[in-house]
């Protein structure tokens, strides 16, 4: 089974949560347009001034998606 990579975008400031929520909409549009294998996205408020949006991709898709969308960071994804 291939590894899954969670690509993460960080947003900071008083509008961070709304910005991350909106960014997820664009990530979903990208998944549909590019016909990616996975459709796992989300957004999370870390604090009231820091939120993230994320997209999970298969390892073989990671470089192309990373180069197209320029996430701030990434990590291995473990489904819970």
N, C-alpha and C. Protein backbone atom coordinates (compact mmCIF):
# COMPACT_ATOMS: atom_id res chain seq x y z
N UNK A 1 0.84 -1.19 0.00
CA UNK A 1 0.00 0.00 0.00
C UNK A 1 0.89 1.25 0.00
N UNK A 2 0.53 2.21 -0.81
CA UNK A 2 1.35 3.40 -0.94
C UNK A 2 1.15 4.33 0.26
N UNK A 3 2.20 5.09 0.55
CA UNK A 3 2.11 6.06 1.65
C UNK A 3 1.21 7.20 1.23
N UNK A 4 0.59 7.81 2.22
CA UNK A 4 -0.24 8.98 1.99
C UNK A 4 0.44 10.17 2.66
N UNK A 5 0.45 11.29 1.95
CA UNK A 5 1.11 12.50 2.43
C UNK A 5 0.05 13.58 2.66
N UNK A 6 0.11 14.21 3.82
CA UNK A 6 -0.79 15.31 4.16
C UNK A 6 -0.06 16.62 3.88
N UNK A 7 -0.52 17.35 2.87
CA UNK A 7 0.03 18.65 2.52
C UNK A 7 -0.73 19.71 3.31
N UNK A 8 -0.01 20.64 3.92
CA UNK A 8 -0.62 21.56 4.89
C UNK A 8 -0.31 23.01 4.53
N UNK A 9 -1.34 23.84 4.62
CA UNK A 9 -1.21 25.29 4.46
C UNK A 9 -1.56 25.93 5.79
N UNK A 10 -0.67 26.79 6.30
CA UNK A 10 -0.88 27.49 7.57
C UNK A 10 -1.43 28.89 7.31
N UNK A 11 -2.39 29.27 8.12
CA UNK A 11 -2.97 30.62 8.06
C UNK A 11 -2.95 31.20 9.47
N UNK A 12 -2.53 32.45 9.56
CA UNK A 12 -2.41 33.09 10.88
C UNK A 12 -3.12 34.44 10.87
N UNK A 13 -3.56 34.83 12.05
CA UNK A 13 -4.23 36.11 12.21
C UNK A 13 -5.69 35.92 12.59
N UNK A 14 -6.40 37.02 12.80
CA UNK A 14 -7.78 36.94 13.26
C UNK A 14 -8.72 36.27 12.26
N UNK A 15 -8.39 36.27 10.97
CA UNK A 15 -9.25 35.64 9.96
C UNK A 15 -8.74 34.26 9.54
N UNK A 16 -7.82 33.69 10.31
CA UNK A 16 -7.17 32.44 9.92
C UNK A 16 -8.16 31.30 9.69
N UNK A 17 -9.13 31.13 10.57
CA UNK A 17 -10.07 30.01 10.43
C UNK A 17 -10.92 30.15 9.18
N UNK A 18 -11.44 31.34 8.92
CA UNK A 18 -12.25 31.56 7.72
C UNK A 18 -11.41 31.39 6.45
N UNK A 19 -10.16 31.82 6.50
CA UNK A 19 -9.28 31.68 5.34
C UNK A 19 -9.00 30.20 5.07
N UNK A 20 -8.71 29.44 6.12
CA UNK A 20 -8.46 28.00 5.95
C UNK A 20 -9.71 27.29 5.43
N UNK A 21 -10.86 27.66 5.95
CA UNK A 21 -12.12 27.07 5.48
C UNK A 21 -12.33 27.36 3.99
N UNK A 22 -12.05 28.57 3.58
CA UNK A 22 -12.20 28.94 2.17
C UNK A 22 -11.16 28.23 1.30
N UNK A 23 -9.96 28.10 1.81
CA UNK A 23 -8.89 27.44 1.05
C UNK A 23 -9.27 25.97 0.77
N UNK A 24 -9.96 25.34 1.71
CA UNK A 24 -10.39 23.95 1.49
C UNK A 24 -11.29 23.83 0.26
N UNK A 25 -12.12 24.83 0.01
CA UNK A 25 -12.99 24.82 -1.17
C UNK A 25 -12.13 24.71 -2.44
N UNK A 26 -11.05 25.49 -2.49
CA UNK A 26 -10.17 25.46 -3.65
C UNK A 26 -9.43 24.13 -3.77
N UNK A 27 -9.09 23.53 -2.63
CA UNK A 27 -8.44 22.23 -2.66
C UNK A 27 -9.38 21.18 -3.24
N UNK A 28 -10.65 21.23 -2.88
CA UNK A 28 -11.64 20.30 -3.42
C UNK A 28 -11.81 20.50 -4.92
N UNK A 29 -11.80 21.75 -5.36
CA UNK A 29 -11.89 22.04 -6.80
C UNK A 29 -10.68 21.47 -7.54
N UNK A 30 -9.51 21.58 -6.93
CA UNK A 30 -8.29 21.04 -7.53
C UNK A 30 -8.37 19.53 -7.66
N UNK A 31 -8.85 18.85 -6.63
CA UNK A 31 -9.00 17.39 -6.67
C UNK A 31 -9.88 16.99 -7.85
N UNK A 32 -10.98 17.68 -8.00
CA UNK A 32 -11.92 17.37 -9.09
C UNK A 32 -11.30 17.65 -10.45
N UNK A 33 -10.66 18.79 -10.59
CA UNK A 33 -10.08 19.18 -11.87
C UNK A 33 -8.94 18.25 -12.30
N UNK A 34 -8.14 17.83 -11.33
CA UNK A 34 -6.97 17.00 -11.63
C UNK A 34 -7.26 15.50 -11.50
N UNK A 35 -8.47 15.16 -11.07
CA UNK A 35 -8.88 13.75 -10.91
C UNK A 35 -7.89 12.97 -10.05
N UNK A 36 -7.60 13.52 -8.87
CA UNK A 36 -6.69 12.86 -7.94
C UNK A 36 -7.34 11.60 -7.37
N UNK A 37 -6.50 10.66 -6.95
CA UNK A 37 -6.98 9.38 -6.43
C UNK A 37 -7.75 9.54 -5.12
N UNK A 38 -7.29 10.44 -4.26
CA UNK A 38 -7.92 10.63 -2.94
C UNK A 38 -8.68 11.94 -2.91
N UNK A 39 -9.68 12.01 -2.05
CA UNK A 39 -10.42 13.26 -1.89
C UNK A 39 -10.53 13.63 -0.41
N UNK A 40 -9.42 13.51 0.30
CA UNK A 40 -9.39 13.83 1.72
C UNK A 40 -8.86 15.26 1.89
N UNK A 41 -9.71 16.14 2.41
CA UNK A 41 -9.32 17.52 2.69
C UNK A 41 -9.91 17.90 4.04
N UNK A 42 -9.53 19.06 4.53
CA UNK A 42 -10.11 19.55 5.77
C UNK A 42 -9.46 20.84 6.18
N UNK A 43 -9.98 21.38 7.27
CA UNK A 43 -9.37 22.54 7.90
C UNK A 43 -9.56 22.41 9.39
N UNK A 44 -8.60 22.94 10.15
CA UNK A 44 -8.61 22.81 11.59
C UNK A 44 -8.13 24.10 12.22
N UNK A 45 -8.82 24.56 13.25
CA UNK A 45 -8.36 25.70 14.03
C UNK A 45 -7.40 25.16 15.09
N UNK A 46 -6.16 25.60 15.04
CA UNK A 46 -5.15 25.19 16.02
C UNK A 46 -5.30 26.07 17.27
N UNK A 47 -5.35 27.37 17.03
CA UNK A 47 -5.66 28.35 18.08
C UNK A 47 -6.59 29.38 17.44
N UNK A 48 -6.98 30.40 18.18
CA UNK A 48 -7.84 31.43 17.57
C UNK A 48 -7.09 32.30 16.56
N UNK A 49 -5.77 32.17 16.51
CA UNK A 49 -4.96 32.96 15.57
C UNK A 49 -4.17 32.08 14.59
N UNK A 50 -4.41 30.77 14.57
CA UNK A 50 -3.67 29.87 13.68
C UNK A 50 -4.60 28.73 13.27
N UNK A 51 -4.79 28.59 11.96
CA UNK A 51 -5.59 27.49 11.41
C UNK A 51 -4.85 26.89 10.24
N UNK A 52 -5.22 25.65 9.90
CA UNK A 52 -4.61 24.99 8.76
C UNK A 52 -5.68 24.47 7.82
N UNK A 53 -5.32 24.36 6.57
CA UNK A 53 -6.11 23.62 5.57
C UNK A 53 -5.19 22.51 5.09
N UNK A 54 -5.77 21.35 4.74
CA UNK A 54 -4.92 20.26 4.30
C UNK A 54 -5.56 19.45 3.18
N UNK A 55 -4.69 18.76 2.46
CA UNK A 55 -5.06 17.88 1.37
C UNK A 55 -4.18 16.64 1.48
N UNK A 56 -4.79 15.46 1.40
CA UNK A 56 -4.04 14.21 1.47
C UNK A 56 -3.92 13.64 0.07
N UNK A 57 -2.67 13.28 -0.31
CA UNK A 57 -2.41 12.71 -1.64
C UNK A 57 -1.60 11.43 -1.48
N UNK A 58 -1.65 10.58 -2.50
CA UNK A 58 -0.78 9.41 -2.54
C UNK A 58 0.63 9.89 -2.79
N UNK A 59 1.59 9.12 -2.30
CA UNK A 59 3.01 9.49 -2.42
C UNK A 59 3.42 9.78 -3.87
N UNK A 60 2.91 8.99 -4.82
CA UNK A 60 3.32 9.18 -6.22
C UNK A 60 2.77 10.47 -6.82
N UNK A 61 1.72 11.04 -6.24
CA UNK A 61 1.14 12.31 -6.73
C UNK A 61 1.72 13.53 -6.02
N UNK A 62 2.45 13.30 -4.95
CA UNK A 62 2.86 14.38 -4.06
C UNK A 62 3.69 15.46 -4.76
N UNK A 63 4.68 15.09 -5.53
CA UNK A 63 5.57 16.10 -6.13
C UNK A 63 4.81 17.00 -7.10
N UNK A 64 3.97 16.43 -7.93
CA UNK A 64 3.20 17.24 -8.89
C UNK A 64 2.24 18.18 -8.17
N UNK A 65 1.56 17.68 -7.14
CA UNK A 65 0.62 18.51 -6.38
C UNK A 65 1.39 19.58 -5.60
N UNK A 66 2.48 19.19 -4.99
CA UNK A 66 3.30 20.15 -4.23
C UNK A 66 3.76 21.29 -5.13
N UNK A 67 4.25 20.95 -6.32
CA UNK A 67 4.75 21.99 -7.23
C UNK A 67 3.62 22.89 -7.73
N UNK A 68 2.43 22.34 -7.91
CA UNK A 68 1.30 23.13 -8.40
C UNK A 68 0.71 24.03 -7.31
N UNK A 69 0.61 23.52 -6.08
CA UNK A 69 -0.12 24.24 -5.04
C UNK A 69 0.75 24.89 -3.95
N UNK A 70 2.00 24.52 -3.88
CA UNK A 70 2.96 25.11 -2.96
C UNK A 70 2.49 25.14 -1.49
N UNK A 71 2.28 23.98 -0.90
CA UNK A 71 1.91 23.94 0.51
C UNK A 71 3.07 24.44 1.38
N UNK A 72 2.76 24.81 2.61
CA UNK A 72 3.79 25.29 3.52
C UNK A 72 4.60 24.15 4.11
N UNK A 73 3.96 22.99 4.25
CA UNK A 73 4.66 21.83 4.83
C UNK A 73 3.88 20.56 4.53
N UNK A 74 4.44 19.44 4.92
CA UNK A 74 3.78 18.16 4.71
C UNK A 74 4.21 17.17 5.78
N UNK A 75 3.43 16.12 5.91
CA UNK A 75 3.74 15.07 6.87
C UNK A 75 3.08 13.78 6.41
N UNK A 76 3.55 12.66 6.94
CA UNK A 76 2.89 11.40 6.63
C UNK A 76 1.49 11.42 7.22
N UNK A 77 0.56 10.87 6.49
CA UNK A 77 -0.85 10.85 6.92
C UNK A 77 -1.18 9.46 7.47
N UNK A 78 -1.73 9.45 8.65
CA UNK A 78 -2.18 8.21 9.27
C UNK A 78 -3.67 8.35 9.55
N UNK A 79 -4.49 7.62 8.82
CA UNK A 79 -5.94 7.67 9.05
C UNK A 79 -6.20 7.09 10.44
N UNK A 80 -7.11 7.72 11.15
CA UNK A 80 -7.40 7.27 12.51
C UNK A 80 -8.65 6.43 12.55
